[in-house]
PDB file of N, CA and C in Angstrom:
ATOM      1  N   MET A   1       0.854  -1.182   0.000  1.00  0.00           N
ATOM      2  CA  MET A   1       0.000   0.000   0.000  1.00  0.00           C
ATOM      3  C   MET A   1       0.892   1.235   0.000  1.00  0.00           C
ATOM      4  N   ARG A   2       1.747   1.317  -0.951  1.00  0.00           N
ATOM      5  CA  ARG A   2       2.665   2.453  -1.047  1.00  0.00           C
ATOM      6  C   ARG A   2       2.193   3.511  -2.035  1.00  0.00           C
ATOM      7  N   TYR A   3       1.088   3.255  -2.681  1.00  0.00           N
ATOM      8  CA  TYR A   3       0.629   4.181  -3.708  1.00  0.00           C
ATOM      9  C   TYR A   3       0.160   5.494  -3.109  1.00  0.00           C
ATOM     10  N   GLY A   4       0.500   6.572  -3.804  1.00  0.00           N
ATOM     11  CA  GLY A   4       0.050   7.895  -3.413  1.00  0.00           C
ATOM     12  C   GLY A   4      -1.176   8.302  -4.213  1.00  0.00           C
ATOM     13  N   ILE A   5      -1.494   9.557  -4.117  1.00  0.00           N
ATOM     14  CA  ILE A   5      -2.712  10.090  -4.737  1.00  0.00           C
ATOM     15  C   ILE A   5      -2.724   9.871  -6.250  1.00  0.00           C
ATOM     16  N   TYR A   6      -1.662  10.245  -6.937  1.00  0.00           N
ATOM     17  CA  TYR A   6      -1.673  10.180  -8.395  1.00  0.00           C
ATOM     18  C   TYR A   6      -1.572   8.751  -8.915  1.00  0.00           C
ATOM     19  N   SER A   7      -0.908   7.869  -8.185  1.00  0.00           N
ATOM     20  CA  SER A   7      -0.865   6.456  -8.574  1.00  0.00           C
ATOM     21  C   SER A   7      -2.241   5.824  -8.433  1.00  0.00           C
ATOM     22  N   LEU A   8      -2.939   6.135  -7.350  1.00  0.00           N
ATOM     23  CA  LEU A   8      -4.291   5.610  -7.164  1.00  0.00           C
ATOM     24  C   LEU A   8      -5.251   6.181  -8.210  1.00  0.00           C
ATOM     25  N   ALA A   9      -5.097   7.456  -8.527  1.00  0.00           N
ATOM     26  CA  ALA A   9      -5.938   8.061  -9.567  1.00  0.00           C
ATOM     27  C   ALA A   9      -5.676   7.381 -10.913  1.00  0.00           C
ATOM     28  N   GLY A  10      -4.423   7.018 -11.185  1.00  0.00           N
ATOM     29  CA  GLY A  10      -4.085   6.287 -12.410  1.00  0.00           C
ATOM     30  C   GLY A  10      -4.721   4.907 -12.434  1.00  0.00           C
ATOM     31  N   LEU A  11      -4.742   4.227 -11.286  1.00  0.00           N
ATOM     32  CA  LEU A  11      -5.407   2.922 -11.206  1.00  0.00           C
ATOM     33  C   LEU A  11      -6.904   3.049 -11.483  1.00  0.00           C
ATOM     34  N   VAL A  12      -7.510   4.081 -10.931  1.00  0.00           N
ATOM     35  CA  VAL A  12      -8.950   4.300 -11.141  1.00  0.00           C
ATOM     36  C   VAL A  12      -9.232   4.496 -12.622  1.00  0.00           C
ATOM     37  N   ARG A  13      -8.419   5.310 -13.279  1.00  0.00           N
ATOM     38  CA  ARG A  13      -8.644   5.616 -14.696  1.00  0.00           C
ATOM     39  C   ARG A  13      -8.298   4.421 -15.593  1.00  0.00           C
ATOM     40  N   ASN A  14      -7.134   3.830 -15.409  1.00  0.00           N
ATOM     41  CA  ASN A  14      -6.633   2.814 -16.341  1.00  0.00           C
ATOM     42  C   ASN A  14      -7.130   1.399 -16.055  1.00  0.00           C
ATOM     43  N   GLU A  15      -7.226   1.019 -14.795  1.00  0.00           N
ATOM     44  CA  GLU A  15      -7.619  -0.352 -14.460  1.00  0.00           C
ATOM     45  C   GLU A  15      -9.133  -0.498 -14.275  1.00  0.00           C
ATOM     46  N   LEU A  16      -9.745   0.465 -13.608  1.00  0.00           N
ATOM     47  CA  LEU A  16     -11.187   0.370 -13.340  1.00  0.00           C
ATOM     48  C   LEU A  16     -12.041   1.029 -14.415  1.00  0.00           C
ATOM     49  N   GLY A  17     -11.458   1.963 -15.164  1.00  0.00           N
ATOM     50  CA  GLY A  17     -12.195   2.619 -16.231  1.00  0.00           C
ATOM     51  C   GLY A  17     -13.122   3.728 -15.778  1.00  0.00           C
ATOM     52  N   PHE A  18     -12.905   4.244 -14.566  1.00  0.00           N
ATOM     53  CA  PHE A  18     -13.713   5.349 -14.053  1.00  0.00           C
ATOM     54  C   PHE A  18     -12.924   6.645 -14.115  1.00  0.00           C
ATOM     55  N   ASP A  19     -13.648   7.769 -14.064  1.00  0.00           N
ATOM     56  CA  ASP A  19     -13.015   9.079 -14.041  1.00  0.00           C
ATOM     57  C   ASP A  19     -12.711   9.457 -12.591  1.00  0.00           C
ATOM     58  N   PRO A  20     -11.426   9.568 -12.201  1.00  0.00           N
ATOM     59  CA  PRO A  20     -11.111   9.875 -10.811  1.00  0.00           C
ATOM     60  C   PRO A  20     -11.551  11.268 -10.370  1.00  0.00           C
ATOM     61  N   SER A  21     -11.813  12.166 -11.320  1.00  0.00           N
ATOM     62  CA  SER A  21     -12.243  13.517 -10.953  1.00  0.00           C
ATOM     63  C   SER A  21     -13.762  13.666 -10.977  1.00  0.00           C
ATOM     64  N   SER A  22     -14.485  12.554 -10.881  1.00  0.00           N
ATOM     65  CA  SER A  22     -15.951  12.582 -10.916  1.00  0.00           C
ATOM     66  C   SER A  22     -16.562  13.024  -9.593  1.00  0.00           C
ATOM     67  N   GLY A  23     -15.776  12.969  -8.513  1.00  0.00           N
ATOM     68  CA  GLY A  23     -16.310  13.300  -7.196  1.00  0.00           C
ATOM     69  C   GLY A  23     -16.688  12.068  -6.398  1.00  0.00           C
ATOM     70  N   ASP A  24     -16.679  10.891  -7.042  1.00  0.00           N
ATOM     71  CA  ASP A  24     -16.958   9.647  -6.330  1.00  0.00           C
ATOM     72  C   ASP A  24     -15.810   9.336  -5.375  1.00  0.00           C
ATOM     73  N   VAL A  25     -16.091   8.538  -4.362  1.00  0.00           N
ATOM     74  CA  VAL A  25     -15.069   8.092  -3.419  1.00  0.00           C
ATOM     75  C   VAL A  25     -14.612   6.706  -3.860  1.00  0.00           C
ATOM     76  N   PHE A  26     -13.313   6.543  -4.047  1.00  0.00           N
ATOM     77  CA  PHE A  26     -12.734   5.278  -4.460  1.00  0.00           C
ATOM     78  C   PHE A  26     -12.013   4.671  -3.267  1.00  0.00           C
ATOM     79  N   VAL A  27     -12.312   3.394  -2.993  1.00  0.00           N
ATOM     80  CA  VAL A  27     -11.820   2.708  -1.794  1.00  0.00           C
ATOM     81  C   VAL A  27     -10.776   1.681  -2.203  1.00  0.00           C
ATOM     82  N   PHE A  28      -9.641   1.709  -1.511  1.00  0.00           N
ATOM     83  CA  PHE A  28      -8.562   0.758  -1.751  1.00  0.00           C
ATOM     84  C   PHE A  28      -8.192   0.090  -0.433  1.00  0.00           C
ATOM     85  N   LEU A  29      -8.138  -1.244  -0.450  1.00  0.00           N
ATOM     86  CA  LEU A  29      -7.739  -2.006   0.728  1.00  0.00           C
ATOM     87  C   LEU A  29      -6.346  -2.581   0.504  1.00  0.00           C
ATOM     88  N   GLY A  30      -5.536  -2.588   1.561  1.00  0.00           N
ATOM     89  CA  GLY A  30      -4.220  -3.195   1.494  1.00  0.00           C
ATOM     90  C   GLY A  30      -4.329  -4.715   1.453  1.00  0.00           C
ATOM     91  N   LYS A  31      -3.227  -5.370   1.068  1.00  0.00           N
ATOM     92  CA  LYS A  31      -3.190  -6.829   0.966  1.00  0.00           C
ATOM     93  C   LYS A  31      -3.572  -7.531   2.256  1.00  0.00           C
ATOM     94  N   ARG A  32      -3.091  -7.012   3.379  1.00  0.00           N
ATOM     95  CA  ARG A  32      -3.375  -7.632   4.673  1.00  0.00           C
ATOM     96  C   ARG A  32      -4.715  -7.186   5.258  1.00  0.00           C
ATOM     97  N   LEU A  33      -5.438  -6.328   4.526  1.00  0.00           N
ATOM     98  CA  LEU A  33      -6.761  -5.825   4.923  1.00  0.00           C
ATOM     99  C   LEU A  33      -6.731  -5.013   6.220  1.00  0.00           C
ATOM    100  N   ASP A  34      -5.561  -4.508   6.599  1.00  0.00           N
ATOM    101  CA  ASP A  34      -5.480  -3.691   7.814  1.00  0.00           C
ATOM    102  C   ASP A  34      -5.297  -2.209   7.502  1.00  0.00           C
ATOM    103  N   GLN A  35      -5.288  -1.869   6.221  1.00  0.00           N
ATOM    104  CA  GLN A  35      -5.157  -0.465   5.824  1.00  0.00           C
ATOM    105  C   GLN A  35      -6.148  -0.168   4.705  1.00  0.00           C
ATOM    106  N   ILE A  36      -6.756   1.013   4.795  1.00  0.00           N
ATOM    107  CA  ILE A  36      -7.730   1.430   3.786  1.00  0.00           C
ATOM    108  C   ILE A  36      -7.386   2.851   3.359  1.00  0.00           C
ATOM    109  N   ARG A  37      -7.566   3.119   2.074  1.00  0.00           N
ATOM    110  CA  ARG A  37      -7.363   4.467   1.528  1.00  0.00           C
ATOM    111  C   ARG A  37      -8.596   4.859   0.738  1.00  0.00           C
ATOM    112  N   LEU A  38      -9.053   6.076   0.974  1.00  0.00           N
ATOM    113  CA  LEU A  38     -10.190   6.625   0.246  1.00  0.00           C
ATOM    114  C   LEU A  38      -9.693   7.802  -0.576  1.00  0.00           C
ATOM    115  N   LEU A  39     -10.011   7.809  -1.851  1.00  0.00           N
ATOM    116  CA  LEU A  39      -9.570   8.867  -2.756  1.00  0.00           C
ATOM    117  C   LEU A  39     -10.789   9.556  -3.341  1.00  0.00           C
ATOM    118  N   GLN A  40     -10.789  10.900  -3.308  1.00  0.00           N
ATOM    119  CA  GLN A  40     -11.904  11.664  -3.863  1.00  0.00           C
ATOM    120  C   GLN A  40     -11.391  12.979  -4.433  1.00  0.00           C
ATOM    121  N   TRP A  41     -11.952  13.349  -5.567  1.00  0.00           N
ATOM    122  CA  TRP A  41     -11.683  14.664  -6.150  1.00  0.00           C
ATOM    123  C   TRP A  41     -12.604  15.661  -5.474  1.00  0.00           C
ATOM    124  N   ASP A  42     -12.042  16.741  -4.952  1.00  0.00           N
ATOM    125  CA  ASP A  42     -12.821  17.725  -4.194  1.00  0.00           C
ATOM    126  C   ASP A  42     -12.711  19.094  -4.853  1.00  0.00           C
ATOM    127  N   ARG A  43     -13.402  19.279  -5.947  1.00  0.00           N
ATOM    128  CA  ARG A  43     -13.486  20.521  -6.722  1.00  0.00           C
ATOM    129  C   ARG A  43     -12.161  21.063  -7.249  1.00  0.00           C
ATOM    130  N   ASP A  44     -11.129  21.153  -6.415  1.00  0.00           N
ATOM    131  CA  ASP A  44      -9.877  21.779  -6.874  1.00  0.00           C
ATOM    132  C   ASP A  44      -8.652  20.908  -6.605  1.00  0.00           C
ATOM    133  N   GLY A  45      -8.859  19.665  -6.227  1.00  0.00           N
ATOM    134  CA  GLY A  45      -7.736  18.766  -5.992  1.00  0.00           C
ATOM    135  C   GLY A  45      -8.200  17.472  -5.338  1.00  0.00           C
ATOM    136  N   PHE A  46      -7.284  16.523  -5.268  1.00  0.00           N
ATOM    137  CA  PHE A  46      -7.600  15.237  -4.661  1.00  0.00           C
ATOM    138  C   PHE A  46      -7.481  15.310  -3.149  1.00  0.00           C
ATOM    139  N   ALA A  47      -8.333  14.550  -2.484  1.00  0.00           N
ATOM    140  CA  ALA A  47      -8.252  14.362  -1.037  1.00  0.00           C
ATOM    141  C   ALA A  47      -8.098  12.860  -0.805  1.00  0.00           C
ATOM    142  N   MET A  48      -7.195  12.507   0.115  1.00  0.00           N
ATOM    143  CA  MET A  48      -6.989  11.097   0.417  1.00  0.00           C
ATOM    144  C   MET A  48      -7.060  10.902   1.922  1.00  0.00           C
ATOM    145  N   TYR A  49      -7.838   9.893   2.325  1.00  0.00           N
ATOM    146  CA  TYR A  49      -7.996   9.532   3.723  1.00  0.00           C
ATOM    147  C   TYR A  49      -7.367   8.161   3.895  1.00  0.00           C
ATOM    148  N   VAL A  50      -6.492   8.028   4.897  1.00  0.00           N
ATOM    149  CA  VAL A  50      -5.818   6.759   5.163  1.00  0.00           C
ATOM    150  C   VAL A  50      -6.117   6.338   6.593  1.00  0.00           C
ATOM    151  N   LYS A  51      -6.479   5.063   6.753  1.00  0.00           N
ATOM    152  CA  LYS A  51      -6.685   4.524   8.092  1.00  0.00           C
ATOM    153  C   LYS A  51      -5.950   3.196   8.178  1.00  0.00           C
ATOM    154  N   LYS A  52      -5.071   3.072   9.159  1.00  0.00           N
ATOM    155  CA  LYS A  52      -4.286   1.847   9.394  1.00  0.00           C
ATOM    156  C   LYS A  52      -4.687   1.312  10.750  1.00  0.00           C
ATOM    157  N   LEU A  53      -5.179   0.070  10.767  1.00  0.00           N
ATOM    158  CA  LEU A  53      -5.613  -0.553  12.009  1.00  0.00           C
ATOM    159  C   LEU A  53      -4.420  -1.127  12.766  1.00  0.00           C
ATOM    160  N   GLU A  54      -4.403  -0.945  14.064  1.00  0.00           N
ATOM    161  CA  GLU A  54      -3.381  -1.556  14.902  1.00  0.00           C
ATOM    162  C   GLU A  54      -3.704  -3.021  15.159  1.00  0.00           C
ATOM    163  N   VAL A  55      -4.999  -3.328  15.284  1.00  0.00           N
ATOM    164  CA  VAL A  55      -5.453  -4.697  15.528  1.00  0.00           C
ATOM    165  C   VAL A  55      -6.675  -4.941  14.652  1.00  0.00           C
ATOM    166  N   GLY A  56      -6.769  -6.123  14.045  1.00  0.00           N
ATOM    167  CA  GLY A  56      -7.935  -6.484  13.255  1.00  0.00           C
ATOM    168  C   GLY A  56      -7.784  -6.132  11.786  1.00  0.00           C
ATOM    169  N   THR A  57      -8.847  -6.390  11.051  1.00  0.00           N
ATOM    170  CA  THR A  57      -8.847  -6.141   9.608  1.00  0.00           C
ATOM    171  C   THR A  57     -10.174  -5.512   9.184  1.00  0.00           C
ATOM    172  N   PHE A  58     -10.156  -4.943   7.995  1.00  0.00           N
ATOM    173  CA  PHE A  58     -11.379  -4.444   7.375  1.00  0.00           C
ATOM    174  C   PHE A  58     -12.035  -5.601   6.628  1.00  0.00           C
ATOM    175  N   GLU A  59     -13.352  -5.527   6.457  1.00  0.00           N
ATOM    176  CA  GLU A  59     -14.080  -6.564   5.733  1.00  0.00           C
ATOM    177  C   GLU A  59     -14.727  -5.940   4.500  1.00  0.00           C
ATOM    178  N   TRP A  60     -14.451  -6.511   3.343  1.00  0.00           N
ATOM    179  CA  TRP A  60     -15.081  -6.054   2.106  1.00  0.00           C
ATOM    180  C   TRP A  60     -16.384  -6.817   1.926  1.00  0.00           C
ATOM    181  N   PRO A  61     -17.426  -6.194   1.356  1.00  0.00           N
ATOM    182  CA  PRO A  61     -18.693  -6.912   1.143  1.00  0.00           C
ATOM    183  C   PRO A  61     -18.482  -8.189   0.325  1.00  0.00           C
ATOM    184  N   LYS A  62     -19.280  -9.210   0.619  1.00  0.00           N
ATOM    185  CA  LYS A  62     -19.160 -10.507  -0.057  1.00  0.00           C
ATOM    186  C   LYS A  62     -19.469 -10.388  -1.544  1.00  0.00           C
ATOM    187  N   GLY A  63     -18.909 -11.286  -2.311  1.00  0.00           N
ATOM    188  CA  GLY A  63     -19.162 -11.332  -3.747  1.00  0.00           C
ATOM    189  C   GLY A  63     -18.161 -10.483  -4.511  1.00  0.00           C
ATOM    190  N   ASN A  64     -18.436 -10.311  -5.777  1.00  0.00           N
ATOM    191  CA  ASN A  64     -17.555  -9.556  -6.663  1.00  0.00           C
ATOM    192  C   ASN A  64     -18.081  -8.133  -6.818  1.00  0.00           C
ATOM    193  N   GLN A  65     -18.338  -7.476  -5.704  1.00  0.00           N
ATOM    194  CA  GLN A  65     -18.990  -6.173  -5.688  1.00  0.00           C
ATOM    195  C   GLN A  65     -17.962  -5.059  -5.847  1.00  0.00           C
ATOM    196  N   ILE A  66     -18.196  -4.178  -6.807  1.00  0.00           N
ATOM    197  CA  ILE A  66     -17.304  -3.038  -7.011  1.00  0.00           C
ATOM    198  C   ILE A  66     -17.892  -1.784  -6.390  1.00  0.00           C
ATOM    199  N   LEU A  67     -19.195  -1.582  -6.523  1.00  0.00           N
ATOM    200  CA  LEU A  67     -19.848  -0.390  -5.997  1.00  0.00           C
ATOM    201  C   LEU A  67     -20.455  -0.674  -4.636  1.00  0.00           C
ATOM    202  N   ILE A  68     -20.207   0.222  -3.671  1.00  0.00           N
ATOM    203  CA  ILE A  68     -20.834   0.098  -2.361  1.00  0.00           C
ATOM    204  C   ILE A  68     -21.517   1.421  -2.034  1.00  0.00           C
ATOM    205  N   THR A  69     -22.458   1.370  -1.149  1.00  0.00           N
ATOM    206  CA  THR A  69     -23.189   2.575  -0.752  1.00  0.00           C
ATOM    207  C   THR A  69     -22.404   3.323   0.323  1.00  0.00           C
ATOM    208  N   SER A  70     -22.804   4.554   0.575  1.00  0.00           N
ATOM    209  CA  SER A  70     -22.161   5.329   1.638  1.00  0.00           C
ATOM    210  C   SER A  70     -22.428   4.689   2.997  1.00  0.00           C
ATOM    211  N   HIS A  71     -23.586   4.054   3.146  1.00  0.00           N
ATOM    212  CA  HIS A  71     -23.910   3.359   4.392  1.00  0.00           C
ATOM    213  C   HIS A  71     -22.971   2.173   4.606  1.00  0.00           C
ATOM    214  N   GLN A  72     -22.718   1.387   3.546  1.00  0.00           N
ATOM    215  CA  GLN A  72     -21.791   0.257   3.641  1.00  0.00           C
ATOM    216  C   GLN A  72     -20.375   0.742   3.950  1.00  0.00           C
ATOM    217  N   LEU A  73     -19.976   1.860   3.376  1.00  0.00           N
ATOM    218  CA  LEU A  73     -18.651   2.413   3.648  1.00  0.00           C
ATOM    219  C   LEU A  73     -18.527   2.823   5.110  1.00  0.00           C
ATOM    220  N   THR A  74     -19.551   3.447   5.652  1.00  0.00           N
ATOM    221  CA  THR A  74     -19.542   3.840   7.060  1.00  0.00           C
ATOM    222  C   THR A  74     -19.409   2.616   7.960  1.00  0.00           C
ATOM    223  N   LEU A  75     -20.173   1.573   7.664  1.00  0.00           N
ATOM    224  CA  LEU A  75     -20.091   0.347   8.459  1.00  0.00           C
ATOM    225  C   LEU A  75     -18.713  -0.291   8.330  1.00  0.00           C
ATOM    226  N   LEU A  76     -18.163  -0.298   7.126  1.00  0.00           N
ATOM    227  CA  LEU A  76     -16.846  -0.866   6.889  1.00  0.00           C
ATOM    228  C   LEU A  76     -15.785  -0.150   7.721  1.00  0.00           C
ATOM    229  N   LEU A  77     -15.836   1.182   7.762  1.00  0.00           N
ATOM    230  CA  LEU A  77     -14.858   1.964   8.522  1.00  0.00           C
ATOM    231  C   LEU A  77     -15.024   1.794  10.025  1.00  0.00           C
ATOM    232  N   GLN A  78     -16.252   1.485  10.481  1.00  0.00           N
ATOM    233  CA  GLN A  78     -16.514   1.297  11.903  1.00  0.00           C
ATOM    234  C   GLN A  78     -16.222  -0.121  12.374  1.00  0.00           C
ATOM    235  N   GLY A  79     -15.928  -1.026  11.448  1.00  0.00           N
ATOM    236  CA  GLY A  79     -15.591  -2.389  11.826  1.00  0.00           C
ATOM    237  C   GLY A  79     -16.769  -3.317  11.989  1.00  0.00           C
ATOM    238  N   VAL A  80     -17.917  -2.934  11.460  1.00  0.00           N
ATOM    239  CA  VAL A  80     -19.106  -3.783  11.548  1.00  0.00           C
ATOM    240  C   VAL A  80     -18.984  -4.900  10.509  1.00  0.00           C
ATOM    241  N   MET A  81     -19.317  -6.128  10.903  1.00  0.00           N
ATOM    242  CA  MET A  81     -19.297  -7.259   9.970  1.00  0.00           C
ATOM    243  C   MET A  81     -20.497  -7.130   9.043  1.00  0.00           C
ATOM    244  N   LEU A  82     -20.247  -6.876   7.770  1.00  0.00           N
ATOM    245  CA  LEU A  82     -21.315  -6.559   6.826  1.00  0.00           C
ATOM    246  C   LEU A  82     -22.235  -7.739   6.538  1.00  0.00           C
ATOM    247  N   ASP A  83     -21.726  -8.968   6.628  1.00  0.00           N
ATOM    248  CA  ASP A  83     -22.591 -10.118   6.334  1.00  0.00           C
ATOM    249  C   ASP A  83     -23.604 -10.380   7.446  1.00  0.00           C
ATOM    250  N   SER A  84     -23.385  -9.804   8.627  1.00  0.00           N
ATOM    251  CA  SER A  84     -24.326 -10.015   9.730  1.00  0.00           C
ATOM    252  C   SER A  84     -25.321  -8.865   9.883  1.00  0.00           C
ATOM    253  N   VAL A  85     -25.198  -7.838   9.063  1.00  0.00           N
ATOM    254  CA  VAL A  85     -26.098  -6.682   9.140  1.00  0.00           C
ATOM    255  C   VAL A  85     -27.399  -7.003   8.424  1.00  0.00           C
ATOM    256  N   ARG A  86     -28.503  -6.770   9.117  1.00  0.00           N
ATOM    257  CA  ARG A  86     -29.826  -6.922   8.518  1.00  0.00           C
ATOM    258  C   ARG A  86     -30.487  -5.553   8.501  1.00  0.00           C
ATOM    259  N   LEU A  87     -30.841  -5.085   7.323  1.00  0.00           N
ATOM    260  CA  LEU A  87     -31.487  -3.782   7.184  1.00  0.00           C
ATOM    261  C   LEU A  87     -32.994  -3.970   7.077  1.00  0.00           C
ATOM    262  N   ARG A  88     -33.726  -3.074   7.707  1.00  0.00           N
ATOM    263  CA  ARG A  88     -35.187  -3.110   7.612  1.00  0.00           C
ATOM    264  C   ARG A  88     -35.618  -2.567   6.256  1.00  0.00           C
ATOM    265  N   LYS A  89     -36.782  -3.006   5.809  1.00  0.00           N
ATOM    266  CA  LYS A  89     -37.306  -2.597   4.515  1.00  0.00           C
ATOM    267  C   LYS A  89     -37.595  -1.101   4.516  1.00  0.00           C
ATOM    268  N   ARG A  90     -37.219  -0.420   3.470  1.00  0.00           N
ATOM    269  CA  ARG A  90     -37.451   1.011   3.292  1.00  0.00           C
ATOM    270  C   ARG A  90     -38.023   1.278   1.910  1.00  0.00           C
ATOM    271  N   TYR A  91     -38.717   2.391   1.797  1.00  0.00           N
ATOM    272  CA  TYR A  91     -39.282   2.831   0.517  1.00  0.00           C
ATOM    273  C   TYR A  91     -38.143   3.237  -0.413  1.00  0.00           C
ATOM    274  N   ILE A  92     -38.175   2.742  -1.629  1.00  0.00           N
ATOM    275  CA  ILE A  92     -37.199   3.131  -2.643  1.00  0.00           C
ATOM    276  C   ILE A  92     -37.977   3.623  -3.847  1.00  0.00           C
ATOM    277  N   ARG A  93     -37.732   4.836  -4.224  1.00  0.00           N
ATOM    278  CA  ARG A  93     -38.428   5.430  -5.364  1.00  0.00           C
ATOM    279  C   ARG A  93     -37.884   4.826  -6.651  1.00  0.00           C
ATOM    280  N   ALA A  94     -38.776   4.322  -7.481  1.00  0.00           N
ATOM    281  CA  ALA A  94     -38.361   3.635  -8.715  1.00  0.00           C
ATOM    282  C   ALA A  94     -38.133   4.564  -9.856  1.00  0.00           C
TER     283      ALA A  94
END
C-alpha cells in the first residue's frame, strides 16, 4: 500500500475505467486488509484519507462487488461485519 494520490488516480482511470475527478469516493484495501485508503476529487484537488488498524482487519462486502453505498462504507470503517447486518425494509423510489 505504497501508492500515493496520483498512482491511485491512475489505477482508477486505467484499471477500473472510471473518471477519478468525478467526485466519487474510491476505496482501496491493502493486501493484509489492515489499511484502507479513500480517494476523492474535491473541486480543486484530490483528497486522500488513510486509516491503518493496529489490531484487526477491514471486511469487504461478499461477492464480486465493485460499488458500495455510503452506508456500507460507514459500516466498513466502523468495523461492523457486513454479512451479519440486517437492514429493515425502506421505501425506494423507482
